[in-house]
Amino acid sequence: MNYRELGSSGLLVSPICLGTMTFGEPVGEADAIKLVHSAIDLGINFIDTANVYEGYKRYLGSPGGTAEELVGKALVRRRDQVVLATKVCAPVGPGPQDRGLSASHILRELDRSLQRLQTDYIDLYIIHWPDKHVPLETTMSAMDQAVRSGKVRYFGASNHNAAQLCEMLWISDQQGGPRVVSSQIPFSLLRREFHNDLPFCQRHSIGVTPYQPLQGGLLTGKYRRGQPLPDASRASEKPQWMWEMDDALFDRLEGIEALASEINVPPAQYALAWALTQTAMSSLVVGAKRIEQVQDAVASTEVEIPAAHFEKIDEIAPPPWQQPDPIRG
């Protein structure tokens, strides 16, 4: 395993990060523990969870906590082998203080996460979503307090664009607090709207750790035009979490699969390998229900995308438009 730098943190993380959003349902306790242990044994040293994760049982405002509890059980006697990330912001109840990025909510949920994870510190504490009702200075002060207390080593952001990350860096400079070291964004061959933010992250040493690099399983090759949904798939188990599978989507999937077949690798490995070539990438958050899926993800780190493929990929799955530079080209 060739480990990568996580932004300016000094941490080295595996290019594949084990995601745990499905822990609880459909991945029960025994299988979750096996997945975590197998991932560590395969060289994965980065685990991502959140205070709201509880698998398919999740609904807006449900209490969450299940995934953290399972990860905590799995890491008994193995805690020092991993970089552990969890998140805060999303609703964990119906009350007005049960969500968001106020100091009250952040510090309360941090203590709850530590208890569930059976640890006394979080390596990477991530702001899960922006909160338009709380000044970012307030949130950053709470993160500073968490770091100074020793309960958090570093902090990151999720679902924030480059402009919001820039504001965080400016506030850190003004307050003398910790800098944001990671950005977790939705990013895959099918979803590239944050593509033009990646150079900013590289310039400012913010490691990118995208989620859904396989786009909920769409890029695994399991879905076929005109065929029934496969059993035990995301589309059959949780259809509201999936995109509409129309002809335009299958055109793109079939184009990507054709490129993968040219180098004799499965579509999932091809999609992950492509993502790892992108600017500022530290680690891809990959969820799994079976050990074989973790093994497949790790194998993708050995796949090399031919140089000639990148232009073809951009034709199949174009990056977002960017204004041409009349000076520099």
Protein backbone atom coordinates (compact mmCIF):
# COMPACT_ATOMS: atom_id res chain seq x y z
CA MET A 1 0.00 0.00 0.00
CA ASN A 2 1.39 3.38 -1.04
CA TYR A 3 0.13 5.85 1.53
CA ARG A 4 -0.69 9.46 0.70
CA GLU A 5 -0.46 12.71 2.61
CA LEU A 6 -3.71 13.99 4.12
CA GLY A 7 -3.36 17.65 3.29
CA SER A 8 -1.12 19.57 5.68
CA SER A 9 -1.83 17.26 8.63
CA GLY A 10 1.33 15.20 8.36
CA LEU A 11 -0.84 12.07 8.46
CA LEU A 12 -0.28 9.35 5.88
CA VAL A 13 -3.46 7.57 4.83
CA SER A 14 -4.28 4.70 2.53
CA PRO A 15 -5.68 5.73 -0.87
CA ILE A 16 -8.80 3.75 0.01
CA CYS A 17 -10.77 4.79 3.09
CA LEU A 18 -13.39 2.43 4.50
CA GLY A 19 -16.78 4.14 4.54
CA THR A 20 -19.34 3.00 7.10
CA MET A 21 -22.63 4.59 6.08
CA THR A 22 -24.25 1.15 5.65
CA PHE A 23 -23.20 -0.08 9.11
CA GLY A 24 -26.29 -1.01 11.10
CA GLU A 25 -28.51 -1.97 8.17
CA PRO A 26 -27.77 -3.84 5.95
CA VAL A 27 -24.33 -4.44 7.56
CA GLY A 28 -24.94 -5.84 11.04
CA GLU A 29 -22.53 -5.91 13.96
CA ALA A 30 -20.66 -9.13 13.16
CA ASP A 31 -20.19 -8.26 9.49
CA ALA A 32 -19.19 -4.67 10.30
CA ILE A 33 -16.45 -5.84 12.66
CA LYS A 34 -15.19 -8.33 10.06
CA LEU A 35 -15.12 -5.61 7.40
CA VAL A 36 -13.11 -3.26 9.60
CA HIS A 37 -10.62 -5.94 10.58
CA SER A 38 -10.25 -7.17 6.98
CA ALA A 39 -9.71 -3.63 5.75
CA ILE A 40 -6.95 -3.05 8.29
CA ASP A 41 -5.34 -6.37 7.37
CA LEU A 42 -5.37 -5.30 3.70
CA GLY A 43 -3.45 -2.13 4.57
CA ILE A 44 -6.33 0.32 4.88
CA ASN A 45 -5.55 2.66 7.77
CA PHE A 46 -8.30 5.25 7.23
CA ILE A 47 -11.89 4.78 8.45
CA ASP A 48 -14.69 7.28 7.90
CA THR A 49 -17.93 7.42 9.86
CA ALA A 50 -20.40 10.03 11.17
CA ASN A 51 -22.54 10.60 14.21
CA VAL A 52 -25.69 10.16 12.09
CA TYR A 53 -24.81 6.96 10.20
CA GLU A 54 -27.10 4.01 10.86
CA GLY A 55 -27.52 2.44 7.44
CA TYR A 56 -30.82 2.30 5.64
CA LYS A 57 -32.71 3.07 8.85
CA ARG A 58 -31.60 6.68 8.56
CA TYR A 59 -34.25 9.39 8.22
CA LEU A 60 -34.03 13.15 8.73
CA GLY A 61 -33.63 13.74 12.45
CA SER A 62 -33.15 10.11 13.52
CA PRO A 63 -30.64 9.74 16.36
CA GLY A 64 -27.90 7.93 14.45
CA GLY A 65 -24.91 6.64 16.38
CA THR A 66 -25.10 3.04 15.20
CA ALA A 67 -22.12 3.12 12.84
CA GLU A 68 -19.92 4.83 15.43
CA GLU A 69 -20.81 2.19 18.00
CA LEU A 70 -19.92 -0.62 15.59
CA VAL A 71 -16.65 1.03 14.57
CA GLY A 72 -15.80 1.49 18.24
CA LYS A 73 -16.34 -2.20 18.92
CA ALA A 74 -14.25 -3.14 15.87
CA LEU A 75 -11.34 -0.94 16.94
CA VAL A 76 -10.95 -2.35 20.44
CA ARG A 77 -7.22 -3.20 20.64
CA ARG A 78 -6.72 -1.84 17.08
CA ARG A 79 -7.38 1.87 17.60
CA ASP A 80 -3.75 2.93 17.08
CA GLN A 81 -3.69 1.26 13.64
CA VAL A 82 -6.10 3.69 12.00
CA VAL A 83 -6.77 7.33 11.24
CA LEU A 84 -10.33 7.70 12.47
CA ALA A 85 -12.69 10.30 11.03
CA THR A 86 -16.20 11.19 12.11
CA LYS A 87 -18.55 14.09 11.42
CA VAL A 88 -20.90 16.59 13.04
CA CYS A 89 -23.73 18.89 11.88
CA ALA A 90 -26.58 16.73 10.54
CA PRO A 91 -29.80 16.44 12.61
CA VAL A 92 -29.76 13.89 15.45
CA GLY A 93 -33.18 14.76 16.87
CA PRO A 94 -36.15 17.10 16.56
CA GLY A 95 -34.91 19.92 18.80
CA PRO A 96 -33.43 23.22 17.64
CA GLN A 97 -30.05 22.38 19.20
CA ASP A 98 -30.00 18.88 17.69
CA ARG A 99 -28.30 20.00 14.49
CA GLY A 100 -25.91 22.50 13.01
CA LEU A 101 -22.53 24.01 13.77
CA SER A 102 -23.04 25.97 16.96
CA ALA A 103 -20.43 25.47 19.64
CA SER A 104 -23.11 23.92 21.84
CA HIS A 105 -24.00 21.26 19.28
CA ILE A 106 -20.45 20.54 18.15
CA LEU A 107 -18.96 20.06 21.63
CA ARG A 108 -21.92 18.02 22.87
CA GLU A 109 -21.84 15.71 19.85
CA LEU A 110 -18.07 15.37 20.04
CA ASP A 111 -18.33 13.91 23.54
CA ARG A 112 -21.08 11.54 22.40
CA SER A 113 -19.02 10.40 19.42
CA LEU A 114 -16.00 9.76 21.62
CA GLN A 115 -18.10 7.62 23.92
CA ARG A 116 -19.59 5.56 21.09
CA LEU A 117 -16.23 5.13 19.39
CA GLN A 118 -14.59 4.07 22.69
CA THR A 119 -11.70 6.46 22.19
CA ASP A 120 -10.44 9.64 23.81
CA TYR A 121 -9.57 11.45 20.57
CA ILE A 122 -10.71 11.81 16.96
CA ASP A 123 -7.97 12.01 14.35
CA LEU A 124 -10.11 13.95 11.86
CA TYR A 125 -13.29 15.73 12.95
CA ILE A 126 -15.32 16.80 9.92
CA ILE A 127 -17.91 19.55 9.50
CA HIS A 128 -20.54 17.48 7.69
CA TRP A 129 -22.50 20.27 5.99
CA PRO A 130 -22.45 24.09 5.87
CA ASP A 131 -24.78 25.77 8.36
CA LYS A 132 -26.12 29.08 7.05
CA HIS A 133 -27.48 30.03 10.49
CA VAL A 134 -24.16 29.96 12.35
CA PRO A 135 -21.26 32.34 11.61
CA LEU A 136 -18.27 30.36 10.44
CA GLU A 137 -16.12 32.18 13.01
CA THR A 138 -18.24 30.57 15.74
CA THR A 139 -17.80 27.11 14.26
CA MET A 140 -14.06 27.58 13.84
CA SER A 141 -13.72 28.72 17.45
CA ALA A 142 -15.46 25.52 18.56
CA MET A 143 -13.07 23.46 16.45
CA ASP A 144 -10.16 25.33 17.98
CA GLN A 145 -11.49 24.48 21.45
CA ALA A 146 -11.88 20.82 20.46
CA VAL A 147 -8.31 20.65 19.18
CA ARG A 148 -6.86 22.46 22.21
CA SER A 149 -8.69 20.06 24.53
CA GLY A 150 -6.93 17.11 22.91
CA LYS A 151 -10.19 15.51 21.84
CA VAL A 152 -9.55 16.28 18.16
CA ARG A 153 -6.24 16.17 16.28
CA TYR A 154 -7.28 17.80 12.97
CA PHE A 155 -10.46 19.05 11.37
CA GLY A 156 -11.89 18.77 7.88
CA ALA A 157 -14.92 19.85 5.89
CA SER A 158 -17.51 17.95 3.88
CA ASN A 159 -19.81 19.27 1.16
CA HIS A 160 -18.06 22.66 1.09
CA ASN A 161 -16.88 24.38 -2.07
CA ALA A 162 -13.57 26.16 -2.65
CA ALA A 163 -14.96 29.56 -1.66
CA GLN A 164 -16.11 28.21 1.70
CA LEU A 165 -12.77 26.46 2.26
CA CYS A 166 -11.02 29.74 1.44
CA GLU A 167 -13.05 31.52 4.11
CA MET A 168 -12.07 28.84 6.63
CA LEU A 169 -8.40 29.36 5.84
CA TRP A 170 -8.77 33.12 6.23
CA ILE A 171 -10.51 32.76 9.60
CA SER A 172 -7.81 30.38 10.79
CA ASP A 173 -5.19 32.97 9.92
CA GLN A 174 -7.17 35.68 11.73
CA GLN A 175 -7.93 33.62 14.84
CA GLY A 176 -4.69 31.66 14.97
CA GLY A 177 -6.68 28.42 15.07
CA PRO A 178 -6.26 25.08 13.30
CA ARG A 179 -6.44 24.95 9.52
CA VAL A 180 -8.83 22.78 7.56
CA VAL A 181 -6.80 19.81 6.27
CA SER A 182 -9.33 17.83 4.23
CA SER A 183 -12.32 18.26 1.94
CA GLN A 184 -14.85 15.47 1.52
CA ILE A 185 -16.96 16.07 -1.58
CA PRO A 186 -19.22 13.95 -3.78
CA PHE A 187 -17.01 13.05 -6.74
CA SER A 188 -16.95 10.29 -9.33
CA LEU A 189 -16.78 9.69 -13.06
CA LEU A 190 -20.49 10.49 -13.11
CA ARG A 191 -20.40 13.48 -10.76
CA ARG A 192 -17.73 16.06 -11.38
CA GLU A 193 -19.26 19.39 -10.32
CA PHE A 194 -16.43 19.98 -7.80
CA HIS A 195 -13.77 19.27 -10.43
CA ASN A 196 -12.70 22.90 -10.79
CA ASP A 197 -12.22 23.21 -7.00
CA LEU A 198 -9.47 20.59 -6.93
CA PRO A 199 -6.56 22.88 -7.90
CA PHE A 200 -7.48 25.21 -5.02
CA CYS A 201 -7.22 22.29 -2.60
CA GLN A 202 -3.85 21.33 -4.02
CA ARG A 203 -2.46 24.87 -3.73
CA HIS A 204 -3.55 25.14 -0.10
CA SER A 205 -2.60 21.62 1.02
CA ILE A 206 -6.16 20.42 1.58
CA GLY A 207 -6.42 16.69 0.99
CA VAL A 208 -9.50 15.65 -0.97
CA THR A 209 -11.31 12.54 0.31
CA PRO A 210 -14.37 12.15 -1.93
CA TYR A 211 -17.37 10.04 -1.09
CA GLN A 212 -19.46 8.02 -3.56
CA PRO A 213 -16.55 7.46 -6.00
CA LEU A 214 -18.57 4.51 -7.36
CA GLN A 215 -21.75 6.60 -7.38
CA GLY A 216 -23.79 4.28 -5.19
CA GLY A 217 -22.74 1.22 -7.19
CA LEU A 218 -23.63 2.59 -10.62
CA LEU A 219 -19.98 2.35 -11.69
CA THR A 220 -19.53 -1.27 -10.64
CA GLY A 221 -21.02 -2.76 -13.81
CA LYS A 222 -23.86 -4.50 -11.98
CA TYR A 223 -26.61 -2.46 -13.64
CA ARG A 224 -27.52 -3.32 -17.24
CA ARG A 225 -29.75 -1.58 -19.71
CA GLY A 226 -33.14 -3.29 -19.95
CA GLN A 227 -32.36 -5.85 -17.24
CA PRO A 228 -33.98 -6.23 -13.78
CA LEU A 229 -32.24 -4.67 -10.80
CA PRO A 230 -29.76 -7.09 -9.22
CA ASP A 231 -30.63 -8.53 -5.81
CA ALA A 232 -28.99 -6.97 -2.74
CA SER A 233 -28.08 -3.85 -4.70
CA ARG A 234 -28.48 -0.24 -3.56
CA ALA A 235 -31.14 0.34 -6.22
CA SER A 236 -33.26 -2.58 -5.01
CA GLU A 237 -32.74 -2.02 -1.27
CA LYS A 238 -32.86 1.79 -1.09
CA PRO A 239 -34.14 3.13 -4.44
CA GLN A 240 -34.64 6.67 -3.12
CA TRP A 241 -30.85 6.93 -2.71
CA MET A 242 -30.25 6.20 -6.42
CA TRP A 243 -30.29 8.19 -9.62
CA GLU A 244 -32.87 7.60 -12.32
CA MET A 245 -31.43 4.96 -14.62
CA ASP A 246 -32.33 6.28 -18.06
CA ASP A 247 -30.78 5.75 -21.50
CA ALA A 248 -28.46 8.75 -21.12
CA LEU A 249 -26.98 7.26 -17.95
CA PHE A 250 -26.53 3.84 -19.53
CA ASP A 251 -24.80 5.46 -22.52
CA ARG A 252 -22.20 6.86 -20.14
CA LEU A 253 -21.87 3.65 -18.13
CA GLU A 254 -21.38 1.54 -21.25
CA GLY A 255 -18.77 3.97 -22.56
CA ILE A 256 -16.82 3.75 -19.30
CA GLU A 257 -17.11 -0.04 -19.22
CA ALA A 258 -15.76 -0.23 -22.77
CA LEU A 259 -12.65 1.69 -21.71
CA ALA A 260 -12.21 -0.54 -18.67
CA SER A 261 -12.42 -3.63 -20.87
CA GLU A 262 -9.60 -2.29 -23.03
CA ILE A 263 -7.20 -2.77 -20.12
CA ASN A 264 -8.97 -5.86 -18.74
CA VAL A 265 -10.03 -4.46 -15.38
CA PRO A 266 -13.48 -4.43 -13.75
CA PRO A 267 -15.43 -1.16 -14.12
CA ALA A 268 -15.30 -0.49 -10.37
CA GLN A 269 -11.51 -0.70 -10.29
CA TYR A 270 -11.28 1.51 -13.36
CA ALA A 271 -13.53 4.18 -11.81
CA LEU A 272 -11.57 4.24 -8.55
CA ALA A 273 -8.22 4.26 -10.33
CA TRP A 274 -9.34 7.25 -12.43
CA ALA A 275 -10.46 9.14 -9.32
CA LEU A 276 -7.10 8.55 -7.65
CA THR A 277 -5.34 10.27 -10.57
CA GLN A 278 -7.20 13.53 -10.01
CA THR A 279 -5.61 16.61 -8.47
CA ALA A 280 -5.26 16.75 -4.66
CA MET A 281 -6.70 13.27 -4.06
CA SER A 282 -5.67 11.79 -0.72
CA SER A 283 -8.11 8.91 -0.26
CA LEU A 284 -11.41 7.65 -1.67
CA VAL A 285 -14.18 6.86 0.81
CA VAL A 286 -15.55 3.51 -0.35
CA GLY A 287 -18.46 1.85 1.38
CA ALA A 288 -18.80 -1.91 1.34
CA LYS A 289 -21.13 -4.67 2.43
CA ARG A 290 -18.77 -7.56 1.65
CA ILE A 291 -15.07 -8.21 2.11
CA GLU A 292 -14.74 -8.88 -1.62
CA GLN A 293 -15.73 -5.28 -2.31
CA VAL A 294 -12.97 -4.03 -0.02
CA GLN A 295 -10.46 -6.29 -1.77
CA ASP A 296 -11.64 -4.99 -5.14
CA ALA A 297 -11.19 -1.40 -3.99
CA VAL A 298 -7.66 -2.08 -2.76
CA ALA A 299 -6.81 -3.73 -6.10
CA SER A 300 -7.75 -0.50 -7.88
CA THR A 301 -4.70 1.19 -6.39
CA GLU A 302 -2.53 -0.91 -8.72
CA VAL A 303 -4.48 -0.01 -11.88
CA GLU A 304 -2.93 2.46 -14.32
CA ILE A 305 -5.19 4.45 -16.62
CA PRO A 306 -3.61 4.86 -20.08
CA ALA A 307 -2.85 8.45 -21.00
CA ALA A 308 -4.98 8.15 -24.13
CA HIS A 309 -8.06 7.34 -22.02
CA PHE A 310 -8.33 10.66 -20.22
CA GLU A 311 -9.55 12.59 -23.25
CA LYS A 312 -12.03 9.82 -24.03
CA ILE A 313 -13.29 9.89 -20.44
CA ASP A 314 -13.85 13.64 -20.67
CA GLU A 315 -15.96 13.07 -23.79
CA ILE A 316 -18.10 10.43 -22.04
CA ALA A 317 -18.34 12.19 -18.67
CA PRO A 318 -17.39 15.85 -19.24
CA PRO A 319 -15.97 18.00 -16.44
CA PRO A 320 -17.88 21.20 -15.64
CA TRP A 321 -17.45 24.11 -18.00
CA GLN A 322 -14.64 26.50 -17.16
CA GLN A 323 -14.15 29.87 -18.81
CA PRO A 324 -11.21 29.70 -21.25
CA ASP A 325 -8.18 31.74 -20.33
CA PRO A 326 -7.39 34.06 -23.28
CA ILE A 327 -3.96 34.86 -21.83
CA ARG A 328 -2.57 31.54 -20.66
CA GLY A 329 -4.68 29.20 -22.76
